[in-house]
């Protein structure tokens, strides 16, 4: 006798999500979706073995919460011989901007991840979101405002979290449970329209399905799939562009050349930069940055100039490399530095009119260079001089303010295991770094932030 078609479909889905033999922390609320998830996992255990650890999260938001938890423990134990762990969580909002729904979700996933830690790093967290949930999520994101990422809806894989039921509807899962005589518990809050998702499920979706599009769920899910494909393409473009231009979006000072770059790609880079800096940027804040100079939360600034967006951490800013450890420079491209960036390329000496902050280092003699900040005691042998000069005196002679000295880039070369200052960019070059006419040099220009120009 063949396997149930739904079980075959489920087996195909989980084979794409995790390898056999891994621990699975399975969230079992007692509702029809979670009971279908557990039933399908047990039915396919022979073909795709796993170590199943059911967990029930008690948010304590309803009078029936404890009764539901007791029912799940009893029913799962009697039917499959599994022990269910019950975790009680605090769903109290932490801020005025956090709803009870958001607080419950935060507490729930925190508990799931903490429980998963007990079974090792290969553990997956399996939740029971299905296609109707996906359609509701996409519609909710549209109604409250979202970008391409939000239109994608929930991902089948998000870190440790797996959603193997996204291809299944609520009704076909319930039909499967009825056919296998599996019970479930109805959560009355699912029909309480004081919750945003419940209003969308019981009022908005039925109205739009009846009055606008009978296949609304299918249309929303298809939109989500297309948005997901576009989102992946944008991510690939961002990764490739950042690699080619030596852009590190985790750095507090970044310059992004934007000429000819599609707007969605720029927006994605701004969003990724914000995440790396611990900022929760809204669509309005990203749009403001695309439109012109702006200030983001925590004092981060976005400045437009010379075909680039300059992203800067708040001031006053300590040196990025306070221990003055030399950091190797790329052969060419942009390198973020202290609220601005360095532009590095191979040039023929002399290379026309020099910019305000420019260095030229003989490439044959110094094939690899590094950069660091100034520290007291540094010295250099300026061109044409027989002796050395302290950089402190160089800064004083050039009238460089004290707050800029620790930000000024020093180009460093290495010989016989020792580092040598070859240039204070734009101010002085060491005698050992000079190049003859026609020689190839490292052309290094420094573009500090606008306020320091």
Protein backbone atom coordinates (compact mmCIF):
# COMPACT_ATOMS: atom_id res chain seq x y z
CA UNK A 1 0.00 0.00 0.00
CA UNK A 2 1.43 3.38 -1.03
CA UNK A 3 2.18 6.30 1.23
CA UNK A 4 -0.37 9.08 1.73
CA UNK A 5 0.14 11.78 -0.98
CA UNK A 6 0.38 14.50 1.65
CA UNK A 7 3.08 12.56 3.46
CA UNK A 8 4.99 12.12 0.19
CA UNK A 9 4.79 15.87 -0.43
CA UNK A 10 5.94 16.56 3.11
CA UNK A 11 8.85 14.12 2.81
CA UNK A 12 10.03 15.93 -0.32
CA UNK A 13 9.80 19.25 1.51
CA UNK A 14 11.83 18.21 4.57
CA UNK A 15 14.51 16.52 2.47
CA UNK A 16 15.28 19.99 1.08
CA UNK A 17 15.45 21.57 4.52
CA UNK A 18 17.58 19.36 6.78
CA UNK A 19 19.69 16.19 6.62
CA UNK A 20 18.58 12.96 8.30
CA UNK A 21 19.52 12.28 11.88
CA UNK A 22 19.51 15.86 13.20
CA UNK A 23 17.76 16.98 16.40
CA UNK A 24 14.47 18.79 15.78
CA UNK A 25 12.88 21.14 18.30
CA UNK A 26 9.23 21.07 17.20
CA UNK A 27 6.89 23.84 18.36
CA UNK A 28 3.53 22.23 19.27
CA UNK A 29 0.83 24.72 20.22
CA UNK A 30 -1.98 22.16 20.05
CA UNK A 31 -3.64 23.87 17.09
CA UNK A 32 -4.40 22.03 13.87
CA UNK A 33 -1.25 23.22 12.06
CA UNK A 34 1.18 22.14 14.76
CA UNK A 35 -0.59 18.81 15.29
CA UNK A 36 -0.40 18.17 11.53
CA UNK A 37 3.30 19.04 11.60
CA UNK A 38 4.02 16.56 14.40
CA UNK A 39 1.85 13.86 12.77
CA UNK A 40 3.66 14.23 9.44
CA UNK A 41 7.07 14.16 11.11
CA UNK A 42 6.22 10.93 12.89
CA UNK A 43 4.72 9.42 9.71
CA UNK A 44 7.91 10.07 7.71
CA UNK A 45 10.34 9.20 10.49
CA UNK A 46 11.28 5.87 8.91
CA UNK A 47 12.26 7.48 5.58
CA UNK A 48 13.91 10.60 7.08
CA UNK A 49 14.91 9.84 10.69
CA UNK A 50 15.35 12.65 13.21
CA UNK A 51 15.47 13.15 16.96
CA UNK A 52 12.20 14.91 17.76
CA UNK A 53 11.91 17.14 20.83
CA UNK A 54 8.39 18.66 21.11
CA UNK A 55 8.04 21.90 23.03
CA UNK A 56 4.92 23.83 24.00
CA UNK A 57 5.23 27.56 24.69
CA UNK A 58 2.79 28.87 27.28
CA UNK A 59 2.43 32.64 26.88
CA UNK A 60 -0.01 32.84 29.78
CA UNK A 61 -2.29 35.22 27.86
CA UNK A 62 -5.51 33.18 28.21
CA UNK A 63 -7.38 31.43 30.99
CA UNK A 64 -7.15 28.19 28.97
CA UNK A 65 -3.35 28.44 28.52
CA UNK A 66 -2.54 25.91 31.25
CA UNK A 67 -5.31 23.55 30.12
CA UNK A 68 -3.95 23.67 26.57
CA UNK A 69 -0.44 22.88 27.78
CA UNK A 70 -1.70 19.92 29.82
CA UNK A 71 -3.69 18.61 26.86
CA UNK A 72 -0.67 18.77 24.53
CA UNK A 73 1.53 16.94 27.05
CA UNK A 74 -1.09 14.22 27.58
CA UNK A 75 -2.17 13.77 23.94
CA UNK A 76 1.33 13.68 22.44
CA UNK A 77 2.52 11.29 25.14
CA UNK A 78 -0.38 8.90 24.62
CA UNK A 79 -0.27 8.90 20.80
CA UNK A 80 3.47 8.92 20.09
CA UNK A 81 5.17 8.28 23.41
CA UNK A 82 6.98 11.62 23.24
CA UNK A 83 7.68 13.81 26.24
CA UNK A 84 6.68 17.43 25.66
CA UNK A 85 8.65 20.20 27.33
CA UNK A 86 6.49 23.14 28.45
CA UNK A 87 8.09 26.57 28.69
CA UNK A 88 6.28 29.50 30.29
CA UNK A 89 7.32 32.87 28.86
CA UNK A 90 6.70 36.51 29.73
CA UNK A 91 4.84 38.19 26.84
CA UNK A 92 4.87 41.64 28.41
CA UNK A 93 5.87 44.34 25.87
CA UNK A 94 9.31 45.79 26.61
CA UNK A 95 8.69 49.17 24.99
CA UNK A 96 5.73 51.37 24.12
CA UNK A 97 6.24 50.48 20.45
CA UNK A 98 5.98 46.74 21.06
CA UNK A 99 2.50 45.19 20.88
CA UNK A 100 1.49 42.10 22.85
CA UNK A 101 1.61 40.15 19.58
CA UNK A 102 5.19 41.27 18.97
CA UNK A 103 6.19 40.59 22.58
CA UNK A 104 4.70 37.09 22.45
CA UNK A 105 6.55 36.33 19.22
CA UNK A 106 9.84 37.63 20.65
CA UNK A 107 9.46 35.61 23.86
CA UNK A 108 8.39 32.50 21.92
CA UNK A 109 11.39 32.43 19.59
CA UNK A 110 13.76 33.27 22.40
CA UNK A 111 12.50 30.22 24.31
CA UNK A 112 12.75 28.01 21.20
CA UNK A 113 16.34 29.03 20.56
CA UNK A 114 17.32 28.56 24.19
CA UNK A 115 15.82 25.06 24.19
CA UNK A 116 17.56 24.21 20.90
CA UNK A 117 20.94 25.04 22.46
CA UNK A 118 20.55 21.99 24.71
CA UNK A 119 20.81 19.64 21.72
CA UNK A 120 23.80 21.08 19.87
CA UNK A 121 24.49 23.47 17.03
CA UNK A 122 23.02 21.17 14.34
CA UNK A 123 19.56 21.40 15.91
CA UNK A 124 16.71 22.76 13.78
CA UNK A 125 13.67 24.59 15.12
CA UNK A 126 10.57 23.46 13.23
CA UNK A 127 7.43 25.61 13.22
CA UNK A 128 4.03 25.03 11.59
CA UNK A 129 3.38 28.09 9.43
CA UNK A 130 1.44 27.10 6.32
CA UNK A 131 0.42 28.78 3.05
CA UNK A 132 -2.60 30.62 4.50
CA UNK A 133 -0.30 32.11 7.15
CA UNK A 134 2.08 33.11 4.35
CA UNK A 135 -0.65 34.91 2.38
CA UNK A 136 -1.85 36.72 5.52
CA UNK A 137 1.71 37.75 6.36
CA UNK A 138 2.35 39.19 2.90
CA UNK A 139 -0.96 41.09 2.93
CA UNK A 140 -0.24 42.42 6.42
CA UNK A 141 3.18 43.64 5.27
CA UNK A 142 1.59 45.36 2.27
CA UNK A 143 -1.00 47.10 4.45
CA UNK A 144 1.45 48.39 7.06
CA UNK A 145 4.16 49.23 4.52
CA UNK A 146 7.11 47.13 3.39
CA UNK A 147 9.89 46.71 0.87
CA UNK A 148 10.92 43.83 -1.37
CA UNK A 149 12.14 41.80 1.60
CA UNK A 150 8.78 42.11 3.38
CA UNK A 151 6.90 41.11 0.23
CA UNK A 152 8.83 37.84 0.26
CA UNK A 153 6.94 36.75 3.35
CA UNK A 154 8.28 34.03 5.60
CA UNK A 155 11.30 32.04 4.43
CA UNK A 156 11.34 28.22 4.50
CA UNK A 157 14.74 28.51 6.18
CA UNK A 158 15.67 31.40 8.46
CA UNK A 159 18.74 30.59 10.49
CA UNK A 160 17.84 27.58 12.63
CA UNK A 161 14.11 28.00 12.00
CA UNK A 162 12.50 25.66 9.43
CA UNK A 163 8.99 26.00 7.93
CA UNK A 164 8.23 22.78 6.02
CA UNK A 165 4.47 23.46 5.70
CA UNK A 166 4.56 26.64 3.58
CA UNK A 167 3.38 24.63 0.55
CA UNK A 168 0.34 23.25 2.44
CA UNK A 169 -3.00 24.97 3.04
CA UNK A 170 -4.77 25.02 6.39
CA UNK A 171 -7.69 23.04 5.00
CA UNK A 172 -5.66 20.21 3.49
CA UNK A 173 -3.78 19.83 6.78
CA UNK A 174 -7.07 19.58 8.67
CA UNK A 175 -8.38 17.03 6.18
CA UNK A 176 -5.23 15.00 6.81
CA UNK A 177 -5.80 15.16 10.58
CA UNK A 178 -9.44 14.08 10.21
CA UNK A 179 -8.44 11.16 7.98
CA UNK A 180 -5.95 10.03 10.63
CA UNK A 181 -8.31 10.75 13.56
CA UNK A 182 -5.93 13.22 15.16
CA UNK A 183 -7.44 15.82 17.50
CA UNK A 184 -6.42 19.43 17.96
CA UNK A 185 -7.33 22.39 20.17
CA UNK A 186 -8.92 25.59 18.89
CA UNK A 187 -7.32 28.76 20.22
CA UNK A 188 -10.12 31.29 20.65
CA UNK A 189 -7.66 34.19 20.27
CA UNK A 190 -7.30 33.18 16.61
CA UNK A 191 -10.83 34.53 16.06
CA UNK A 192 -10.46 37.57 18.36
CA UNK A 193 -10.31 40.53 15.98
CA UNK A 194 -8.56 42.76 18.49
CA UNK A 195 -5.38 41.15 17.13
CA UNK A 196 -4.10 42.54 13.80
CA UNK A 197 -3.54 39.13 12.22
CA UNK A 198 -6.99 37.94 13.31
CA UNK A 199 -8.61 40.99 11.69
CA UNK A 200 -6.76 40.27 8.47
CA UNK A 201 -7.69 36.57 8.62
CA UNK A 202 -11.38 36.97 9.48
CA UNK A 203 -12.30 40.32 7.96
CA UNK A 204 -9.85 41.61 5.35
CA UNK A 205 -8.98 38.36 3.55
CA UNK A 206 -12.62 37.16 3.25
CA UNK A 207 -13.76 40.57 2.00
CA UNK A 208 -11.03 40.83 -0.63
CA UNK A 209 -11.52 37.21 -1.68
CA UNK A 210 -15.25 37.70 -2.15
CA UNK A 211 -15.27 41.20 -3.60
CA UNK A 212 -11.97 41.44 -5.50
CA UNK A 213 -10.15 38.18 -6.24
CA UNK A 214 -11.38 34.66 -5.45
CA UNK A 215 -7.79 33.45 -5.76
CA UNK A 216 -6.34 36.10 -3.46
CA UNK A 217 -4.22 33.69 -1.40
CA UNK A 218 -2.67 32.21 -4.53
CA UNK A 219 -1.97 35.71 -5.93
CA UNK A 220 -0.30 36.84 -2.70
CA UNK A 221 1.85 33.73 -2.47
CA UNK A 222 2.92 34.10 -6.10
CA UNK A 223 3.82 37.75 -5.40
CA UNK A 224 5.87 36.58 -2.42
CA UNK A 225 7.75 34.04 -4.55
CA UNK A 226 8.57 36.65 -7.18
CA UNK A 227 9.66 39.13 -4.51
CA UNK A 228 11.86 36.44 -2.94
CA UNK A 229 13.58 35.79 -6.27
CA UNK A 230 14.14 39.52 -6.77
CA UNK A 231 15.44 39.87 -3.22
CA UNK A 232 17.96 37.08 -3.81
CA UNK A 233 19.11 38.78 -7.02
CA UNK A 234 19.59 42.08 -5.21
CA UNK A 235 21.57 40.32 -2.45
CA UNK A 236 23.86 38.73 -5.05
CA UNK A 237 24.42 42.11 -6.76
CA UNK A 238 25.19 43.75 -3.41
CA UNK A 239 27.67 41.01 -2.47
CA UNK A 240 29.44 41.18 -5.83
CA UNK A 241 29.53 45.00 -5.89
CA UNK A 242 30.86 45.22 -2.33
CA UNK A 243 33.56 42.66 -3.13
CA UNK A 244 34.66 44.37 -6.35
CA UNK A 245 34.84 47.79 -4.69
CA UNK A 246 36.34 46.57 -1.40
CA UNK A 247 33.36 47.89 0.57
CA UNK A 248 32.94 46.61 4.13
CA UNK A 249 29.41 47.54 5.23
CA UNK A 250 30.22 46.58 8.81
CA UNK A 251 32.75 49.43 8.99
CA UNK A 252 31.44 52.61 10.68
CA UNK A 253 32.71 54.80 7.81
CA UNK A 254 31.82 53.63 4.30
CA UNK A 255 31.73 55.26 0.88
CA UNK A 256 29.53 53.71 -1.80
CA UNK A 257 30.04 54.75 -5.45
CA UNK A 258 26.47 54.95 -6.72
CA UNK A 259 26.78 56.19 -10.31
CA UNK A 260 24.73 53.85 -12.50
CA UNK A 261 23.77 51.65 -9.56
CA UNK A 262 20.04 50.70 -9.46
CA UNK A 263 18.10 52.35 -6.64
CA UNK A 264 16.95 49.04 -5.05
CA UNK A 265 20.58 47.90 -4.82
CA UNK A 266 21.63 51.14 -3.13
CA UNK A 267 18.69 50.83 -0.74
CA UNK A 268 19.72 47.26 0.09
CA UNK A 269 23.27 48.38 0.85
CA UNK A 270 21.99 51.15 3.12
CA UNK A 271 19.76 48.66 4.92
CA UNK A 272 22.62 46.20 5.37
CA UNK A 273 24.88 48.98 6.68
CA UNK A 274 22.18 49.96 9.17
CA UNK A 275 21.83 46.39 10.43
CA UNK A 276 25.61 46.10 10.85
CA UNK A 277 25.65 49.32 12.92
CA UNK A 278 22.72 48.26 15.11
CA UNK A 279 20.24 50.65 13.47
CA UNK A 280 16.60 49.78 12.73
CA UNK A 281 16.13 51.88 9.62
CA UNK A 282 12.64 52.51 8.34
CA UNK A 283 11.72 52.81 4.68
CA UNK A 284 11.33 56.56 5.22
CA UNK A 285 14.86 56.86 6.62
CA UNK A 286 16.35 54.91 3.72
CA UNK A 287 14.38 56.99 1.21
CA UNK A 288 15.63 60.17 2.90
CA UNK A 289 19.20 58.93 2.46
CA UNK A 290 18.56 58.20 -1.21
CA UNK A 291 17.09 61.67 -1.76
CA UNK A 292 19.82 63.76 -0.11
CA UNK A 293 22.00 64.37 2.92
CA UNK A 294 20.37 63.16 6.12
CA UNK A 295 21.01 62.15 9.71
CA UNK A 296 19.94 58.74 10.94
CA UNK A 297 19.31 57.59 14.53
CA UNK A 298 22.27 57.60 16.94
CA UNK A 299 23.91 60.42 14.96
CA UNK A 300 24.88 58.42 11.87
CA UNK A 301 25.09 60.63 8.78
CA UNK A 302 24.61 60.12 5.05
CA UNK A 303 26.31 62.67 2.78
CA UNK A 304 26.06 62.82 -1.02
CA UNK A 305 29.14 63.85 -2.97
CA UNK A 306 31.18 63.10 -6.10
CA UNK A 307 28.98 60.25 -7.29
CA UNK A 308 29.11 58.49 -3.94
CA UNK A 309 27.19 58.12 -0.70
CA UNK A 310 29.36 58.61 2.37
CA UNK A 311 28.05 56.81 5.47
CA UNK A 312 29.57 58.04 8.69
CA UNK A 313 29.44 57.12 12.34
CA UNK A 314 28.60 59.88 14.85
CA UNK A 315 31.25 62.25 16.11
CA UNK A 316 33.36 62.59 18.13
CA UNK A 317 34.86 59.39 16.80
CA UNK A 318 37.80 57.54 18.25
CA UNK A 319 40.41 56.16 15.86
CA UNK A 320 39.10 53.05 14.12
CA UNK A 321 42.39 51.30 14.88
CA UNK A 322 43.21 52.66 18.36
CA UNK A 323 46.03 50.17 18.87
CA UNK A 324 47.66 51.40 15.61
CA UNK A 325 48.01 47.91 14.17
CA UNK A 326 48.83 48.20 10.43
CA UNK A 327 46.03 47.03 8.15
CA UNK A 328 46.99 45.85 4.66
CA UNK A 329 45.72 47.96 1.78
CA UNK A 330 44.19 46.47 -1.37
CA UNK A 331 46.06 46.95 -4.65
CA UNK A 332 43.23 49.09 -5.97
CA UNK A 333 39.75 50.25 -5.08
CA UNK A 334 38.23 52.08 -2.13
CA UNK A 335 39.21 51.54 1.48
CA UNK A 336 37.09 53.13 4.26
CA UNK A 337 39.14 55.26 6.62
CA UNK A 338 38.14 57.38 9.61
CA UNK A 339 34.97 59.02 8.34
CA UNK A 340 36.03 58.98 4.70
CA UNK A 341 37.88 56.69 2.32
CA UNK A 342 41.14 56.06 0.48
CA UNK A 343 41.23 55.58 -3.28
CA UNK A 344 44.07 53.25 -4.36
CA UNK A 345 45.24 52.57 -7.91
CA UNK A 346 48.35 51.93 -10.00
CA UNK A 347 49.60 55.10 -11.72
CA UNK A 348 52.61 56.22 -13.78
CA UNK A 349 54.73 58.83 -12.02
CA UNK A 350 54.25 61.77 -12.27
CA UNK A 351 50.47 61.57 -12.59
CA UNK A 352 49.26 65.05 -13.42
CA UNK A 353 47.86 67.49 -10.92
CA UNK A 354 47.83 66.12 -7.41
CA UNK A 355 44.79 66.30 -5.23
CA UNK A 356 44.89 67.88 -1.80
CA UNK A 357 45.60 64.63 0.03
CA UNK A 358 47.68 62.38 -2.26
CA UNK A 359 50.60 59.97 -1.90
CA UNK A 360 52.71 58.16 -4.53
CA UNK A 361 54.77 55.12 -3.46
CA UNK A 362 57.24 53.31 -5.74
CA UNK A 363 55.48 50.06 -6.61
CA UNK A 364 58.59 48.05 -7.54
CA UNK A 365 60.28 48.70 -4.22
CA UNK A 366 57.14 48.50 -2.08
CA UNK A 367 54.70 46.00 -3.70
CA UNK A 368 52.56 45.66 -0.57
CA UNK A 369 51.44 48.46 1.68
CA UNK A 370 49.54 48.87 4.92
CA UNK A 371 47.90 51.77 6.71
CA UNK A 372 47.56 52.80 10.33
CA UNK A 373 46.98 55.84 12.48
CA UNK A 374 49.68 58.09 13.95
CA UNK A 375 51.20 57.44 17.34
CA UNK A 376 53.66 59.63 19.25
CA UNK A 377 57.27 58.84 18.37
CA UNK A 378 56.60 58.18 14.66
CA UNK A 379 59.12 59.75 12.31
CA UNK A 380 59.82 60.00 8.58
CA UNK A 381 62.69 61.03 6.29
CA UNK A 382 61.13 63.64 4.01
CA UNK A 383 62.25 63.86 0.38
CA UNK A 384 65.62 65.59 0.06
CA UNK A 385 66.49 65.40 3.76
CA UNK A 386 69.33 63.39 5.25
CA UNK A 387 67.82 63.07 8.70
CA UNK A 388 64.40 62.12 10.04
CA UNK A 389 61.60 64.31 11.27
CA UNK A 390 58.98 63.52 13.88
CA UNK A 391 55.46 63.34 12.53
CA UNK A 392 54.34 65.53 15.38
CA UNK A 393 56.49 68.28 13.87
CA UNK A 394 55.14 67.52 10.39
CA UNK A 395 51.58 68.00 11.64
CA UNK A 396 52.54 71.21 13.43
CA UNK A 397 54.31 72.64 10.36
CA UNK A 398 51.28 71.80 8.18
CA UNK A 399 48.90 73.29 10.77
CA UNK A 400 46.92 70.06 11.19
CA UNK A 401 44.58 70.36 14.18
CA UNK A 402 45.11 67.98 17.06
CA UNK A 403 41.72 66.28 16.69
CA UNK A 404 42.66 65.29 13.11
CA UNK A 405 46.13 63.91 13.77
CA UNK A 406 45.00 60.50 14.98
CA UNK A 407 42.71 60.21 11.95
CA UNK A 408 45.35 61.10 9.36
CA UNK A 409 46.35 58.05 7.27
CA UNK A 410 49.93 56.84 7.43
CA UNK A 411 51.10 54.55 4.61
CA UNK A 412 53.38 51.84 5.95
CA UNK A 413 55.86 49.58 4.17
CA UNK A 414 57.65 46.52 5.53
CA UNK A 415 61.31 45.66 5.08
CA UNK A 416 63.17 42.88 6.86
CA UNK A 417 60.21 42.42 9.20
CA UNK A 418 60.20 46.06 10.29
CA UNK A 419 57.55 48.65 9.44
CA UNK A 420 58.51 52.01 7.97
CA UNK A 421 56.35 55.12 7.52
CA UNK A 422 56.45 55.85 3.78
CA UNK A 423 53.97 58.70 3.61
CA UNK A 424 51.72 60.91 5.64
CA UNK A 425 49.14 61.08 2.87
CA UNK A 426 49.13 64.49 1.17
CA UNK A 427 51.71 65.99 3.55
CA UNK A 428 55.06 64.25 3.16
CA UNK A 429 56.68 61.24 1.44
CA UNK A 430 59.69 59.32 2.71
CA UNK A 431 62.91 59.37 0.70
CA UNK A 432 62.75 55.57 0.41
CA UNK A 433 59.33 55.76 -1.28
CA UNK A 434 60.13 58.20 -4.11
CA UNK A 435 59.74 57.06 -7.70
CA UNK A 436 61.59 57.97 -10.90
CA UNK A 437 59.69 59.46 -13.87
CA UNK A 438 57.85 56.76 -15.79
CA UNK A 439 57.85 54.31 -12.88
CA UNK A 440 54.68 52.66 -11.63
CA UNK A 441 53.51 53.86 -8.24
CA UNK A 442 50.72 53.20 -5.79
CA UNK A 443 48.58 56.31 -6.22
CA UNK A 444 46.75 56.88 -2.94
CA UNK A 445 44.29 59.72 -2.40
CA UNK A 446 42.45 60.39 0.83
CA UNK A 447 38.88 61.71 0.80
CA UNK A 448 37.94 62.65 4.36
CA UNK A 449 34.41 63.49 5.38
CA UNK A 450 32.93 66.76 4.20
CA UNK A 451 33.39 68.66 7.47
CA UNK A 452 37.15 68.13 7.41
CA UNK A 453 37.71 69.34 3.81
